[in-house]
Amino acid sequence: MNYKINKKGFYGEFGGAYIPELLRRNIDELENAYLDILESKDFKSEYARLLDNYVGRPTPLTFARNLSAKYQTQIYLKREDLNHTGAHKINNTIGQILLAKHLGKKRIIAETGAGQHGVATATVCALFGLECVVHMGALDIERQAPNVARMQMLGATVIPSTSGNQTLKDATNEAIRDWIANPHSFYLIGSVVGPHPYPDMVSRLQSIISEEIKEQLAKEQGRQNPDCVIACVGGGSNAAGAFYHFIDEKEVDLIAVEAAGKGIDTSETAATITIGTTGFIHGSKTLLMQDDDGQIIEPYSISAGLDYPGVGPIHAHLAKTGRVKYISATDEDALIAAKVLAINEGIIPALESAHALAALDKMQFKKDEVIVVIVSGRGDKDMETYMNHF
């Protein structure tokens, strides 16, 4: 079974570049250049240098002694929360800003939900002296106020999206409109979504996560492969990066956790793969939440980074082929899991990451198994939500 992208930008039946004609030139420019740039000696050298002395990689692979005792197995936490800016998003924005620089772009557009991608984009734009415009749903601006303040302090212009339910989907719509109106700009997409080549490009940049897990487990356990990798999935970039180097390793179970919101049997959910159907969103063919007329159903999750009505085409393909098992966790599951991690390990995760941790209560493990859970972000931005709940 082939899980990689083909030359036309498809993972099996999913992917492609379904875009307005006005963006064809931009997409063609990127598609024709991205692999040559990513594989070039100059890019690799500068990317590695920045990950090392700016981002702070490699991130630790922490043995969670107390969680391991609780669940009677060996649990490791991949600490993406310890990156500069507090999440995995910086891995991608560092890479894409270097691409933008190679292409001579001066104005950067981004969309953000939880604000982590917005902060990471504003950070690299400040580093390279580029104009930064971030589109963010008006509801997300309210519930992620600390990240909005960070973006503004870093010099970004944050533009509220007031259409739809004022979350990530709507911010993405506005970012694409901005790009159409300003085609000289570079659209720095935050996940493995959008038209080809973005899903492949972001997957490659985030694959540093699984690359490091292999190296770190070799030192810790004397073997490169864990028995299971667990990651949350909204658009799906941290999961794509965490799974990347294990996809062809059949002995490694891969578990992705979607946001069930109030429950998959309610109208308030974001469990795209669990309840979605094949359609088109933001330039690619994938699985998404839609009604019988193909109109997008508004998603809901307590987590601003997971309430997206679609999913990256790589995940649609991995779900259809059965290579990755997709499960879901409710708001309540995630809140409980966050508290469990905090009181057992002294780590407060982002609400997004808490969904991945919630999988531990839904699975059975053997004592000698090695389980890696991706802590994709830190919980500072979600403290108000946690305090209101607890």
Protein backbone atom coordinates (compact mmCIF):
# COMPACT_ATOMS: atom_id res chain seq x y z
CA MET A 1 0.00 0.00 0.00
CA ASN A 2 1.35 3.42 -0.98
CA TYR A 3 0.66 6.13 1.59
CA LYS A 4 2.77 8.87 -0.03
CA ILE A 5 1.63 11.64 -2.33
CA ASN A 6 1.78 11.11 -6.11
CA LYS A 7 3.09 13.51 -8.74
CA LYS A 8 -0.34 15.04 -9.26
CA GLY A 9 -0.69 15.92 -5.59
CA PHE A 10 -3.01 13.10 -4.52
CA TYR A 11 -2.94 10.65 -1.63
CA GLY A 12 -5.02 7.91 -3.24
CA GLU A 13 -8.26 9.67 -4.19
CA PHE A 14 -7.69 12.66 -1.89
CA GLY A 15 -5.76 15.90 -2.44
CA GLY A 16 -5.24 17.91 -5.61
CA ALA A 17 -5.40 21.66 -6.16
CA TYR A 18 -8.96 22.89 -6.68
CA ILE A 19 -8.36 26.60 -6.75
CA PRO A 20 -9.59 29.81 -8.38
CA GLU A 21 -7.84 30.61 -11.66
CA LEU A 22 -6.46 33.76 -10.04
CA LEU A 23 -4.31 31.60 -7.75
CA ARG A 24 -3.06 29.18 -10.39
CA ARG A 25 0.14 31.15 -10.99
CA ASN A 26 0.97 31.22 -7.26
CA ILE A 27 0.34 27.50 -6.81
CA ASP A 28 2.29 26.58 -9.95
CA GLU A 29 5.21 28.71 -8.78
CA LEU A 30 5.24 26.96 -5.42
CA GLU A 31 4.73 23.47 -6.84
CA ASN A 32 7.55 23.90 -9.33
CA ALA A 33 9.99 25.16 -6.69
CA TYR A 34 9.24 23.61 -3.29
CA LEU A 35 10.97 20.24 -3.64
CA ASP A 36 14.11 21.73 -5.16
CA ILE A 37 14.26 24.29 -2.35
CA LEU A 38 13.54 21.80 0.46
CA GLU A 39 16.20 19.42 -0.86
CA SER A 40 18.83 22.11 -1.47
CA LYS A 41 21.95 22.22 0.67
CA ASP A 42 21.37 25.89 1.58
CA PHE A 43 17.82 25.29 2.79
CA LYS A 44 18.71 22.18 4.78
CA SER A 45 21.61 23.93 6.45
CA GLU A 46 19.66 27.06 7.41
CA TYR A 47 16.58 25.08 8.48
CA ALA A 48 18.64 22.80 10.72
CA ARG A 49 20.49 25.78 12.21
CA LEU A 50 17.27 27.61 13.07
CA LEU A 51 15.63 24.49 14.53
CA ASP A 52 18.70 24.02 16.70
CA ASN A 53 19.51 27.49 17.99
CA TYR A 54 16.21 29.36 17.59
CA VAL A 55 13.39 26.83 17.99
CA GLY A 56 15.25 24.72 20.56
CA ARG A 57 15.15 21.30 18.91
CA PRO A 58 15.39 18.45 19.47
CA THR A 59 12.45 18.56 21.86
CA PRO A 60 12.70 16.08 24.76
CA LEU A 61 11.13 12.64 24.71
CA THR A 62 10.09 12.48 28.34
CA PHE A 63 9.40 9.19 30.10
CA ALA A 64 6.13 9.77 32.00
CA ARG A 65 6.83 7.66 35.06
CA ASN A 66 3.57 8.37 36.90
CA LEU A 67 1.34 8.05 33.84
CA SER A 68 3.12 4.81 32.99
CA ALA A 69 2.32 3.43 36.44
CA LYS A 70 -1.29 4.58 36.14
CA TYR A 71 -1.85 2.92 32.76
CA GLN A 72 0.48 -0.07 33.35
CA THR A 73 2.64 0.51 30.29
CA GLN A 74 5.63 2.62 29.15
CA ILE A 75 4.48 6.09 28.14
CA TYR A 76 6.75 8.70 26.59
CA LEU A 77 5.72 12.28 25.86
CA LYS A 78 7.12 14.03 22.79
CA ARG A 79 7.41 17.57 24.13
CA GLU A 80 6.48 19.87 21.24
CA ASP A 81 5.17 22.23 23.95
CA LEU A 82 8.80 23.08 24.72
CA ASN A 83 9.47 24.57 21.29
CA HIS A 84 9.91 28.35 21.04
CA THR A 85 6.33 29.76 20.81
CA GLY A 86 4.97 26.75 22.70
CA ALA A 87 3.82 24.34 19.99
CA HIS A 88 4.81 22.25 16.97
CA LYS A 89 3.68 25.04 14.62
CA ILE A 90 7.11 26.70 14.55
CA ASN A 91 8.63 23.68 12.74
CA ASN A 92 6.46 24.50 9.75
CA THR A 93 6.63 28.31 9.84
CA ILE A 94 10.45 28.31 9.97
CA GLY A 95 10.50 26.10 6.86
CA GLN A 96 7.87 28.04 4.95
CA ILE A 97 9.39 31.44 5.74
CA LEU A 98 12.65 30.20 4.24
CA LEU A 99 10.68 29.10 1.15
CA ALA A 100 9.04 32.52 0.97
CA LYS A 101 12.48 34.14 1.22
CA HIS A 102 13.81 31.96 -1.62
CA LEU A 103 10.79 33.02 -3.73
CA GLY A 104 11.34 36.71 -2.95
CA LYS A 105 8.05 37.26 -1.08
CA LYS A 106 7.76 40.23 1.31
CA ARG A 107 4.17 39.96 2.64
CA ILE A 108 2.99 36.88 4.54
CA ILE A 109 -0.64 35.81 5.04
CA ALA A 110 -1.70 33.23 7.61
CA GLU A 111 -4.85 31.81 9.19
CA THR A 112 -5.06 30.62 12.78
CA GLY A 113 -7.51 28.93 15.13
CA ALA A 114 -5.94 28.41 18.54
CA GLY A 115 -3.48 31.17 17.72
CA GLN A 116 -0.38 28.96 17.90
CA HIS A 117 0.17 29.05 14.15
CA GLY A 118 -0.48 32.79 14.13
CA VAL A 119 2.09 33.33 16.86
CA ALA A 120 4.60 31.08 15.08
CA THR A 121 4.05 32.97 11.79
CA ALA A 122 4.34 36.38 13.46
CA THR A 123 7.51 35.16 15.14
CA VAL A 124 9.29 34.15 11.94
CA CYS A 125 8.07 37.27 10.11
CA ALA A 126 9.63 39.38 12.87
CA LEU A 127 12.82 37.34 12.60
CA PHE A 128 13.05 37.93 8.84
CA GLY A 129 11.59 41.45 8.75
CA LEU A 130 8.50 40.59 6.68
CA GLU A 131 4.97 42.02 6.83
CA CYS A 132 2.58 39.64 8.60
CA VAL A 133 -1.22 39.53 8.29
CA VAL A 134 -3.08 36.92 10.36
CA HIS A 135 -6.75 36.08 9.84
CA MET A 136 -8.48 34.72 12.93
CA GLY A 137 -12.11 33.97 13.75
CA ALA A 138 -13.72 36.59 15.99
CA LEU A 139 -14.79 33.88 18.46
CA ASP A 140 -11.25 32.49 18.58
CA ILE A 141 -9.89 35.99 19.17
CA GLU A 142 -12.04 36.13 22.31
CA ARG A 143 -11.12 32.70 23.67
CA GLN A 144 -7.43 32.85 22.74
CA ALA A 145 -6.71 36.43 23.87
CA PRO A 146 -3.16 35.71 25.15
CA ASN A 147 -2.07 34.54 21.70
CA VAL A 148 -3.69 37.54 20.02
CA ALA A 149 -1.66 39.82 22.29
CA ARG A 150 1.51 37.90 21.44
CA MET A 151 0.89 38.24 17.70
CA GLN A 152 0.31 41.96 18.02
CA MET A 153 3.41 42.45 20.14
CA LEU A 154 5.39 40.63 17.45
CA GLY A 155 4.16 43.18 14.90
CA ALA A 156 1.45 41.20 13.14
CA THR A 157 -1.86 42.64 11.97
CA VAL A 158 -4.66 40.40 13.30
CA ILE A 159 -7.85 40.62 11.25
CA PRO A 160 -11.06 39.18 12.79
CA SER A 161 -13.23 36.92 10.62
CA THR A 162 -16.89 37.59 11.40
CA SER A 163 -18.61 35.18 8.99
CA GLY A 164 -19.90 31.68 9.78
CA ASN A 165 -19.25 30.59 13.35
CA GLN A 166 -16.21 32.88 13.44
CA THR A 167 -13.59 30.15 13.87
CA LEU A 168 -10.82 28.47 11.85
CA LYS A 169 -12.81 27.66 8.69
CA ASP A 170 -13.87 31.28 8.38
CA ALA A 171 -10.35 32.57 9.00
CA THR A 172 -9.10 30.27 6.24
CA ASN A 173 -11.77 31.57 3.85
CA GLU A 174 -10.65 35.14 4.54
CA ALA A 175 -6.97 34.27 4.16
CA ILE A 176 -7.65 32.79 0.72
CA ARG A 177 -9.63 35.90 -0.28
CA ASP A 178 -6.70 38.03 0.87
CA TRP A 179 -4.33 35.93 -1.23
CA ILE A 180 -6.54 36.32 -4.32
CA ALA A 181 -6.57 40.11 -3.80
CA ASN A 182 -2.82 40.22 -3.09
CA PRO A 183 -1.23 37.49 -5.24
CA HIS A 184 2.26 38.91 -4.63
CA SER A 185 1.94 37.66 -1.05
CA PHE A 186 2.94 34.24 0.33
CA TYR A 187 0.19 32.23 2.03
CA LEU A 188 1.78 30.40 4.95
CA ILE A 189 -0.74 27.60 5.66
CA GLY A 190 -0.62 26.18 9.17
CA SER A 191 -1.66 22.57 8.62
CA VAL A 192 -1.65 19.70 6.10
CA VAL A 193 -4.68 21.23 4.38
CA GLY A 194 -5.22 23.37 1.31
CA PRO A 195 -4.22 22.81 -2.31
CA HIS A 196 -1.20 20.77 -3.36
CA PRO A 197 1.68 21.23 -2.58
CA TYR A 198 0.79 22.48 0.91
CA PRO A 199 -0.23 19.14 2.50
CA ASP A 200 2.99 17.48 1.34
CA MET A 201 5.15 20.49 2.16
CA VAL A 202 3.81 20.83 5.70
CA SER A 203 4.07 17.07 6.29
CA ARG A 204 7.73 17.13 5.28
CA LEU A 205 8.49 20.10 7.55
CA GLN A 206 6.69 18.51 10.52
CA SER A 207 8.35 15.11 9.92
CA ILE A 208 11.18 16.30 12.18
CA ILE A 209 8.92 15.08 15.03
CA SER A 210 8.98 11.40 14.02
CA GLU A 211 12.61 11.66 12.90
CA GLU A 212 13.59 12.70 16.42
CA ILE A 213 11.37 10.09 18.07
CA LYS A 214 13.27 7.36 16.22
CA GLU A 215 16.64 8.73 17.29
CA GLN A 216 15.56 9.29 20.89
CA LEU A 217 13.93 5.88 21.33
CA ALA A 218 17.05 4.22 19.98
CA LYS A 219 18.94 5.77 22.92
CA GLU A 220 16.18 5.15 25.48
CA GLN A 221 14.99 1.69 24.48
CA GLY A 222 17.58 0.35 22.06
CA ARG A 223 15.01 0.36 19.25
CA GLN A 224 13.78 3.06 16.91
CA ASN A 225 10.12 2.12 16.70
CA PRO A 226 7.54 2.44 19.48
CA ASP A 227 4.53 0.13 19.61
CA CYS A 228 2.11 3.03 19.27
CA VAL A 229 2.11 6.75 18.45
CA ILE A 230 -0.86 8.88 19.53
CA ALA A 231 -1.56 12.43 18.29
CA CYS A 232 -4.53 14.78 18.11
CA VAL A 233 -5.85 15.74 14.69
CA GLY A 234 -7.79 18.78 13.48
CA GLY A 235 -6.27 19.79 10.17
CA GLY A 236 -3.63 17.27 11.16
CA SER A 237 -0.08 18.66 10.92
CA ASN A 238 1.31 17.43 14.24
CA ALA A 239 -0.17 13.98 13.59
CA ALA A 240 1.21 13.93 10.03
CA GLY A 241 4.67 14.83 11.36
CA ALA A 242 4.46 12.31 14.20
CA PHE A 243 3.40 9.49 11.86
CA TYR A 244 5.59 10.39 8.86
CA HIS A 245 8.56 8.09 9.45
CA PHE A 246 6.39 5.28 10.84
CA ILE A 247 3.76 5.04 8.10
CA ASP A 248 5.58 2.19 6.33
CA GLU A 249 6.50 0.48 9.62
CA LYS A 250 3.49 -1.81 9.90
CA GLU A 251 4.32 -2.94 13.43
CA VAL A 252 3.77 0.61 14.75
CA ASP A 253 0.14 1.36 15.62
CA LEU A 254 -0.83 4.92 14.72
CA ILE A 255 -3.73 6.51 16.60
CA ALA A 256 -5.22 9.92 15.76
CA VAL A 257 -7.73 11.56 18.08
CA GLU A 258 -10.37 13.93 16.73
CA ALA A 259 -12.44 16.42 18.71
CA ALA A 260 -15.88 14.95 19.37
CA GLY A 261 -17.02 18.20 21.04
CA LYS A 262 -20.28 17.52 22.89
CA GLY A 263 -20.43 14.08 21.24
CA ILE A 264 -20.39 12.61 17.73
CA ASP A 265 -24.13 11.97 17.97
CA THR A 266 -24.80 15.69 18.55
CA SER A 267 -24.66 18.64 16.18
CA GLU A 268 -21.76 20.08 18.19
CA THR A 269 -18.72 18.13 17.08
CA ALA A 270 -15.58 18.37 14.93
CA ALA A 271 -15.00 14.64 14.36
CA THR A 272 -14.53 14.98 10.61
CA ILE A 273 -13.26 11.49 9.80
CA THR A 274 -15.76 9.79 12.09
CA ILE A 275 -18.83 11.43 10.54
CA GLY A 276 -17.54 13.19 7.40
CA THR A 277 -17.97 12.39 3.71
CA THR A 278 -15.89 13.07 0.62
CA GLY A 279 -15.99 16.62 -0.68
CA PHE A 280 -13.96 19.74 -1.38
CA ILE A 281 -12.74 22.36 1.07
CA HIS A 282 -10.06 25.04 0.82
CA GLY A 283 -8.56 23.72 -2.39
CA SER A 284 -8.41 19.96 -1.83
CA LYS A 285 -10.57 16.86 -2.08
CA THR A 286 -10.85 15.29 1.34
CA LEU A 287 -13.28 14.21 4.06
CA LEU A 288 -15.37 16.98 5.55
CA MET A 289 -18.53 17.66 7.52
CA GLN A 290 -21.25 18.64 5.03
CA ASP A 291 -24.97 18.36 4.51
CA ASP A 292 -26.77 16.56 1.67
CA ASP A 293 -26.38 19.65 -0.52
CA GLY A 294 -22.60 19.80 0.01
CA GLN A 295 -22.82 22.80 2.34
CA ILE A 296 -20.25 22.77 5.13
CA ILE A 297 -21.59 21.95 8.59
CA GLU A 298 -20.14 24.26 11.22
CA PRO A 299 -17.84 22.31 13.56
CA TYR A 300 -17.59 22.70 17.31
CA SER A 301 -14.89 21.89 19.85
CA ILE A 302 -13.79 23.40 23.14
CA SER A 303 -10.36 23.38 21.48
CA ALA A 304 -9.89 26.27 19.03
CA GLY A 305 -7.20 24.37 17.13
CA LEU A 306 -9.38 21.32 16.38
CA ASP A 307 -12.73 22.82 15.32
CA TYR A 308 -12.12 22.56 11.59
CA PRO A 309 -14.81 20.91 9.41
CA GLY A 310 -12.28 19.15 7.16
CA VAL A 311 -9.04 17.25 7.58
CA GLY A 312 -5.80 17.06 5.61
CA PRO A 313 -6.05 14.75 2.55
CA ILE A 314 -3.21 12.63 3.92
CA HIS A 315 -5.44 11.76 6.89
CA ALA A 316 -8.44 11.03 4.68
CA HIS A 317 -6.24 8.55 2.79
CA LEU A 318 -4.74 7.02 5.94
CA ALA A 319 -8.26 6.56 7.31
CA LYS A 320 -9.63 5.03 4.10
CA THR A 321 -6.72 2.59 3.82
CA GLY A 322 -6.95 1.71 7.50
CA ARG A 323 -3.29 2.52 8.20
CA VAL A 324 -4.22 4.94 11.00
CA LYS A 325 -6.98 4.36 13.53
CA TYR A 326 -9.05 7.49 14.09
CA ILE A 327 -10.92 7.81 17.37
CA SER A 328 -12.57 10.78 19.04
CA ALA A 329 -12.55 12.44 22.45
CA THR A 330 -15.19 14.79 23.84
CA ASP A 331 -14.59 18.16 25.48
CA GLU A 332 -15.06 16.48 28.85
CA ASP A 333 -12.59 13.69 27.98
CA ALA A 334 -9.97 16.29 27.04
CA LEU A 335 -10.48 18.39 30.15
CA ILE A 336 -10.10 15.33 32.38
CA ALA A 337 -6.98 14.17 30.50
CA ALA A 338 -5.38 17.61 30.86
CA LYS A 339 -5.93 17.50 34.61
CA VAL A 340 -4.52 13.95 34.82
CA LEU A 341 -1.32 15.01 33.06
CA ALA A 342 -0.99 18.16 35.16
CA ILE A 343 -1.32 16.45 38.54
CA ASN A 344 0.71 13.37 37.59
CA GLU A 345 3.58 14.84 35.58
CA GLY A 346 3.61 18.58 36.28
CA ILE A 347 2.84 19.40 32.64
CA ILE A 348 -0.16 21.48 31.56
CA PRO A 349 -0.99 20.61 27.94
CA ALA A 350 -2.86 22.62 25.35
CA LEU A 351 -6.49 21.57 24.95
CA GLU A 352 -5.57 20.18 21.53
CA SER A 353 -2.91 17.90 23.04
CA ALA A 354 -5.30 16.90 25.83
CA HIS A 355 -7.43 15.14 23.20
CA ALA A 356 -4.46 12.89 22.35
CA LEU A 357 -3.91 12.17 26.05
CA ALA A 358 -7.59 11.24 26.40
CA ALA A 359 -6.90 8.21 24.20
CA LEU A 360 -5.04 6.59 27.10
CA ASP A 361 -8.37 5.96 28.85
CA LYS A 362 -9.87 4.44 25.71
CA MET A 363 -7.18 1.83 25.01
CA GLN A 364 -5.69 -1.30 26.54
CA PHE A 365 -1.90 -1.65 26.74
CA LYS A 366 0.61 -4.35 27.67
CA LYS A 367 3.26 -3.67 30.29
CA ASP A 368 6.21 -3.97 27.91
CA GLU A 369 4.70 -1.76 25.19
CA VAL A 370 6.22 1.63 24.36
CA ILE A 371 3.62 4.33 23.76
CA VAL A 372 4.53 7.82 22.47
CA VAL A 373 1.97 10.61 22.96
CA ILE A 374 2.56 13.92 21.19
CA VAL A 375 2.15 16.92 23.49
CA SER A 376 1.67 19.29 20.56
CA GLY A 377 1.38 22.49 22.60
CA ARG A 378 1.44 23.99 26.05
CA GLY A 379 -1.63 25.02 28.01
CA ASP A 380 -0.91 28.66 28.85
CA LYS A 381 -3.37 29.85 26.20
CA ASP A 382 -6.14 27.64 27.64
CA MET A 383 -5.82 28.50 31.32
CA GLU A 384 -9.02 30.55 31.39
CA THR A 385 -10.97 27.60 29.97
CA TYR A 386 -9.37 25.22 32.47
CA MET A 387 -10.06 27.53 35.39
CA ASN A 388 -13.69 28.03 34.36
CA HIS A 389 -14.11 24.25 34.26
CA PHE A 390 -12.18 23.20 37.35
